[in-house]
Amino acid sequence: MKVAIGSDHGGFHLKKVMVTFLDEKGYQVLDLGAHGPEPSDYPDFARAVAGAILRGEAERGILICGSGVGASVAANKFSGIRAAVCHDTFSSHQGVEDDEMNVLCLGERVIGPELAKEIAVRFLSARFSGAERHIRRLAKVKEIEKEHMK
């Protein structure tokens, strides 16, 4: 699976750990920056990761900032992107299975690297259930996107 990953300065150190970990796990990792700890802006990396997914360059994305919140807010501005902050393993796989989440957002200042690894593995190994109720709900989300995202 191809995974796009990006972070601002607040998530830079955790991103470095995650890139190495995911590569060792056999994922094709597209590192979209930041490439150093200098101050940077999370919307730039949300744009890069969302763009990679929407262009078909990656199947899923991981965004890391200080809390995960800013990255999530920015990523959800892109039609077709369903991003969520998940700091537990249940939410990371359930978000994919029920809601077809395609971007995982993590906060470097909130969780440690070992938990982040577990969360990412659960996110990346999960698949959308295809259950009728989930398809129905996802269709409603997509309708909201059509109505409100130009």
C-alpha atoms as a PDB file:
ATOM      1  CA  MET A   1       0.000   0.000   0.000  1.00  0.00           C
ATOM      2  CA  LYS A   2       1.170   3.504  -0.810  1.00  0.00           C
ATOM      3  CA  VAL A   3       0.994   5.885   2.148  1.00  0.00           C
ATOM      4  CA  ALA A   4       1.516   9.657   1.955  1.00  0.00           C
ATOM      5  CA  ILE A   5       2.837  11.162   5.162  1.00  0.00           C
ATOM      6  CA  GLY A   6       3.359  14.768   6.136  1.00  0.00           C
ATOM      7  CA  SER A   7       3.930  16.882   9.214  1.00  0.00           C
ATOM      8  CA  ASP A   8       4.629  20.393  10.267  1.00  0.00           C
ATOM      9  CA  HIS A   9       7.457  21.167  12.705  1.00  0.00           C
ATOM     10  CA  GLY A  10       5.260  20.077  15.622  1.00  0.00           C
ATOM     11  CA  GLY A  11       5.110  16.547  14.246  1.00  0.00           C
ATOM     12  CA  PHE A  12       8.467  16.366  12.520  1.00  0.00           C
ATOM     13  CA  HIS A  13      10.220  14.038  14.993  1.00  0.00           C
ATOM     14  CA  LEU A  14       7.327  11.570  15.133  1.00  0.00           C
ATOM     15  CA  LYS A  15       7.063  11.644  11.329  1.00  0.00           C
ATOM     16  CA  LYS A  16      10.715  10.587  11.036  1.00  0.00           C
ATOM     17  CA  VAL A  17      10.012   7.623  13.321  1.00  0.00           C
ATOM     18  CA  MET A  18       6.865   6.709  11.400  1.00  0.00           C
ATOM     19  CA  VAL A  19       8.513   6.892   7.967  1.00  0.00           C
ATOM     20  CA  THR A  20      11.206   4.425   9.078  1.00  0.00           C
ATOM     21  CA  PHE A  21       8.672   2.159  10.806  1.00  0.00           C
ATOM     22  CA  LEU A  22       6.261   2.058   7.853  1.00  0.00           C
ATOM     23  CA  ASP A  23       9.080   1.439   5.399  1.00  0.00           C
ATOM     24  CA  GLU A  24      10.292  -1.483   7.532  1.00  0.00           C
ATOM     25  CA  LYS A  25       6.710  -2.837   7.558  1.00  0.00           C
ATOM     26  CA  GLY A  26       6.724  -2.918   3.751  1.00  0.00           C
ATOM     27  CA  TYR A  27       4.594   0.136   2.990  1.00  0.00           C
ATOM     28  CA  GLN A  28       5.538   2.412   0.098  1.00  0.00           C
ATOM     29  CA  VAL A  29       5.978   5.702   1.916  1.00  0.00           C
ATOM     30  CA  LEU A  30       5.709   9.062   0.177  1.00  0.00           C
ATOM     31  CA  ASP A  31       7.324  11.554   2.579  1.00  0.00           C
ATOM     32  CA  LEU A  32       5.880  14.967   1.753  1.00  0.00           C
ATOM     33  CA  GLY A  33       7.707  16.926   4.472  1.00  0.00           C
ATOM     34  CA  ALA A  34       8.459  18.758   6.581  1.00  0.00           C
ATOM     35  CA  HIS A  35      12.055  17.775   6.068  1.00  0.00           C
ATOM     36  CA  GLY A  36      13.395  19.668   9.063  1.00  0.00           C
ATOM     37  CA  PRO A  37      12.300  21.000  12.464  1.00  0.00           C
ATOM     38  CA  GLU A  38      12.117  24.646  11.356  1.00  0.00           C
ATOM     39  CA  PRO A  39       8.723  26.316  11.901  1.00  0.00           C
ATOM     40  CA  SER A  40       6.222  25.368   9.205  1.00  0.00           C
ATOM     41  CA  ASP A  41       2.466  25.421   8.637  1.00  0.00           C
ATOM     42  CA  TYR A  42       0.280  22.312   8.926  1.00  0.00           C
ATOM     43  CA  PRO A  43      -2.129  23.377   6.116  1.00  0.00           C
ATOM     44  CA  ASP A  44       0.712  23.052   3.595  1.00  0.00           C
ATOM     45  CA  PHE A  45       1.236  19.412   4.516  1.00  0.00           C
ATOM     46  CA  ALA A  46      -2.484  18.668   4.684  1.00  0.00           C
ATOM     47  CA  ARG A  47      -2.707  20.012   1.124  1.00  0.00           C
ATOM     48  CA  ALA A  48       0.205  17.823   0.019  1.00  0.00           C
ATOM     49  CA  VAL A  49      -1.132  14.620   1.598  1.00  0.00           C
ATOM     50  CA  ALA A  50      -4.728  15.216   0.455  1.00  0.00           C
ATOM     51  CA  GLY A  51      -3.497  16.005  -3.040  1.00  0.00           C
ATOM     52  CA  ALA A  52      -1.473  12.807  -3.223  1.00  0.00           C
ATOM     53  CA  ILE A  53      -4.543  10.764  -2.282  1.00  0.00           C
ATOM     54  CA  LEU A  54      -6.884  12.603  -4.634  1.00  0.00           C
ATOM     55  CA  ARG A  55      -4.419  12.209  -7.547  1.00  0.00           C
ATOM     56  CA  GLY A  56      -4.088   8.483  -6.833  1.00  0.00           C
ATOM     57  CA  GLU A  57      -0.443   8.706  -5.772  1.00  0.00           C
ATOM     58  CA  ALA A  58      -1.291   7.205  -2.367  1.00  0.00           C
ATOM     59  CA  GLU A  59      -4.150   5.125  -1.018  1.00  0.00           C
ATOM     60  CA  ARG A  60      -4.048   6.537   2.506  1.00  0.00           C
ATOM     61  CA  GLY A  61      -2.414   9.380   4.346  1.00  0.00           C
ATOM     62  CA  ILE A  62      -0.985  10.177   7.754  1.00  0.00           C
ATOM     63  CA  LEU A  63      -0.661  13.742   9.008  1.00  0.00           C
ATOM     64  CA  ILE A  64       1.175  14.699  12.164  1.00  0.00           C
ATOM     65  CA  CYS A  65       1.203  18.037  13.939  1.00  0.00           C
ATOM     66  CA  GLY A  66       1.430  18.983  17.592  1.00  0.00           C
ATOM     67  CA  SER A  67      -2.081  17.848  18.506  1.00  0.00           C
ATOM     68  CA  GLY A  68      -3.367  16.346  15.256  1.00  0.00           C
ATOM     69  CA  VAL A  69      -6.314  18.743  15.342  1.00  0.00           C
ATOM     70  CA  GLY A  70      -5.064  21.421  12.951  1.00  0.00           C
ATOM     71  CA  ALA A  71      -3.988  18.827  10.408  1.00  0.00           C
ATOM     72  CA  SER A  72      -7.406  17.180  10.630  1.00  0.00           C
ATOM     73  CA  VAL A  73      -9.267  20.466  10.203  1.00  0.00           C
ATOM     74  CA  ALA A  74      -7.206  21.384   7.141  1.00  0.00           C
ATOM     75  CA  ALA A  75      -7.372  17.947   5.499  1.00  0.00           C
ATOM     76  CA  ASN A  76     -11.156  17.793   5.827  1.00  0.00           C
ATOM     77  CA  LYS A  77     -11.459  20.877   3.598  1.00  0.00           C
ATOM     78  CA  PHE A  78     -10.715  18.664   0.582  1.00  0.00           C
ATOM     79  CA  SER A  79     -13.670  16.930  -1.044  1.00  0.00           C
ATOM     80  CA  GLY A  80     -13.108  13.186  -0.846  1.00  0.00           C
ATOM     81  CA  ILE A  81     -10.830  13.344   2.168  1.00  0.00           C
ATOM     82  CA  ARG A  82     -12.088  11.926   5.440  1.00  0.00           C
ATOM     83  CA  ALA A  83      -9.532  12.716   8.133  1.00  0.00           C
ATOM     84  CA  ALA A  84      -9.714  12.162  11.870  1.00  0.00           C
ATOM     85  CA  VAL A  85      -7.522  12.513  14.915  1.00  0.00           C
ATOM     86  CA  CYS A  86      -7.122   9.076  16.452  1.00  0.00           C
ATOM     87  CA  HIS A  87      -5.079   8.542  19.568  1.00  0.00           C
ATOM     88  CA  ASP A  88      -6.380   5.027  20.202  1.00  0.00           C
ATOM     89  CA  THR A  89      -6.337   1.843  18.127  1.00  0.00           C
ATOM     90  CA  PHE A  90     -10.108   1.288  18.132  1.00  0.00           C
ATOM     91  CA  SER A  91     -10.891   4.635  16.486  1.00  0.00           C
ATOM     92  CA  SER A  92      -8.129   4.188  13.925  1.00  0.00           C
ATOM     93  CA  HIS A  93      -9.573   0.980  12.485  1.00  0.00           C
ATOM     94  CA  GLN A  94     -13.234   1.748  13.167  1.00  0.00           C
ATOM     95  CA  GLY A  95     -12.907   5.039  11.270  1.00  0.00           C
ATOM     96  CA  VAL A  96     -11.903   3.093   8.169  1.00  0.00           C
ATOM     97  CA  GLU A  97     -14.354   0.208   8.627  1.00  0.00           C
ATOM     98  CA  ASP A  98     -17.425   2.364   9.245  1.00  0.00           C
ATOM     99  CA  ASP A  99     -16.610   5.767   7.749  1.00  0.00           C
ATOM    100  CA  GLU A 100     -14.014   5.001   5.059  1.00  0.00           C
ATOM    101  CA  MET A 101     -11.534   7.358   6.718  1.00  0.00           C
ATOM    102  CA  ASN A 102      -8.516   7.834   4.457  1.00  0.00           C
ATOM    103  CA  VAL A 103      -6.288  10.170   6.491  1.00  0.00           C
ATOM    104  CA  LEU A 104      -5.083   9.471  10.021  1.00  0.00           C
ATOM    105  CA  CYS A 105      -4.063  12.514  12.062  1.00  0.00           C
ATOM    106  CA  LEU A 106      -1.750  12.180  15.035  1.00  0.00           C
ATOM    107  CA  GLY A 107      -0.452  14.584  17.654  1.00  0.00           C
ATOM    108  CA  GLU A 108       3.230  14.277  18.502  1.00  0.00           C
ATOM    109  CA  ARG A 109       2.687  16.251  21.711  1.00  0.00           C
ATOM    110  CA  VAL A 110      -0.155  13.944  22.747  1.00  0.00           C
ATOM    111  CA  ILE A 111       1.026  10.371  22.153  1.00  0.00           C
ATOM    112  CA  GLY A 112       4.323   8.562  22.047  1.00  0.00           C
ATOM    113  CA  PRO A 113       5.899   6.768  19.120  1.00  0.00           C
ATOM    114  CA  GLU A 114       5.033   3.209  20.150  1.00  0.00           C
ATOM    115  CA  LEU A 115       1.328   3.976  20.425  1.00  0.00           C
ATOM    116  CA  ALA A 116       1.494   5.933  17.158  1.00  0.00           C
ATOM    117  CA  LYS A 117       2.932   2.854  15.440  1.00  0.00           C
ATOM    118  CA  GLU A 118       0.134   0.622  16.766  1.00  0.00           C
ATOM    119  CA  ILE A 119      -2.520   3.138  15.709  1.00  0.00           C
ATOM    120  CA  ALA A 120      -1.038   3.458  12.220  1.00  0.00           C
ATOM    121  CA  VAL A 121      -0.864  -0.304  11.683  1.00  0.00           C
ATOM    122  CA  ARG A 122      -4.519  -0.686  12.688  1.00  0.00           C
ATOM    123  CA  PHE A 123      -5.499   2.206  10.384  1.00  0.00           C
ATOM    124  CA  LEU A 124      -3.560   0.879   7.406  1.00  0.00           C
ATOM    125  CA  SER A 125      -4.726  -2.724   7.788  1.00  0.00           C
ATOM    126  CA  ALA A 126      -8.414  -1.821   8.140  1.00  0.00           C
ATOM    127  CA  ARG A 127     -10.870  -2.025   5.238  1.00  0.00           C
ATOM    128  CA  PHE A 128     -14.245  -0.366   4.682  1.00  0.00           C
ATOM    129  CA  SER A 129     -16.942  -2.837   5.724  1.00  0.00           C
ATOM    130  CA  GLY A 130     -19.326  -2.175   2.850  1.00  0.00           C
ATOM    131  CA  ALA A 131     -22.234  -2.697   5.235  1.00  0.00           C
ATOM    132  CA  GLU A 132     -25.470  -1.170   3.980  1.00  0.00           C
ATOM    133  CA  ARG A 133     -25.753   1.255   6.878  1.00  0.00           C
ATOM    134  CA  HIS A 134     -22.188   2.463   6.343  1.00  0.00           C
ATOM    135  CA  ILE A 135     -22.725   2.897   2.608  1.00  0.00           C
ATOM    136  CA  ARG A 136     -25.908   4.865   3.330  1.00  0.00           C
ATOM    137  CA  ARG A 137     -24.169   7.117   5.844  1.00  0.00           C
ATOM    138  CA  LEU A 138     -21.156   7.679   3.592  1.00  0.00           C
ATOM    139  CA  ALA A 139     -23.505   8.658   0.744  1.00  0.00           C
ATOM    140  CA  LYS A 140     -25.019  11.291   3.040  1.00  0.00           C
ATOM    141  CA  VAL A 141     -21.560  12.625   3.876  1.00  0.00           C
ATOM    142  CA  LYS A 142     -20.741  12.829   0.170  1.00  0.00           C
ATOM    143  CA  GLU A 143     -24.007  14.674  -0.434  1.00  0.00           C
ATOM    144  CA  ILE A 144     -23.019  17.236   2.207  1.00  0.00           C
ATOM    145  CA  GLU A 145     -19.690  17.665   0.400  1.00  0.00           C
ATOM    146  CA  LYS A 146     -21.494  18.330  -2.899  1.00  0.00           C
ATOM    147  CA  GLU A 147     -23.784  20.869  -1.270  1.00  0.00           C
ATOM    148  CA  HIS A 148     -21.171  22.788   0.681  1.00  0.00           C
ATOM    149  CA  MET A 149     -17.757  22.294  -0.897  1.00  0.00           C
ATOM    150  CA  LYS A 150     -17.172  24.214  -4.097  1.00  0.00           C
END
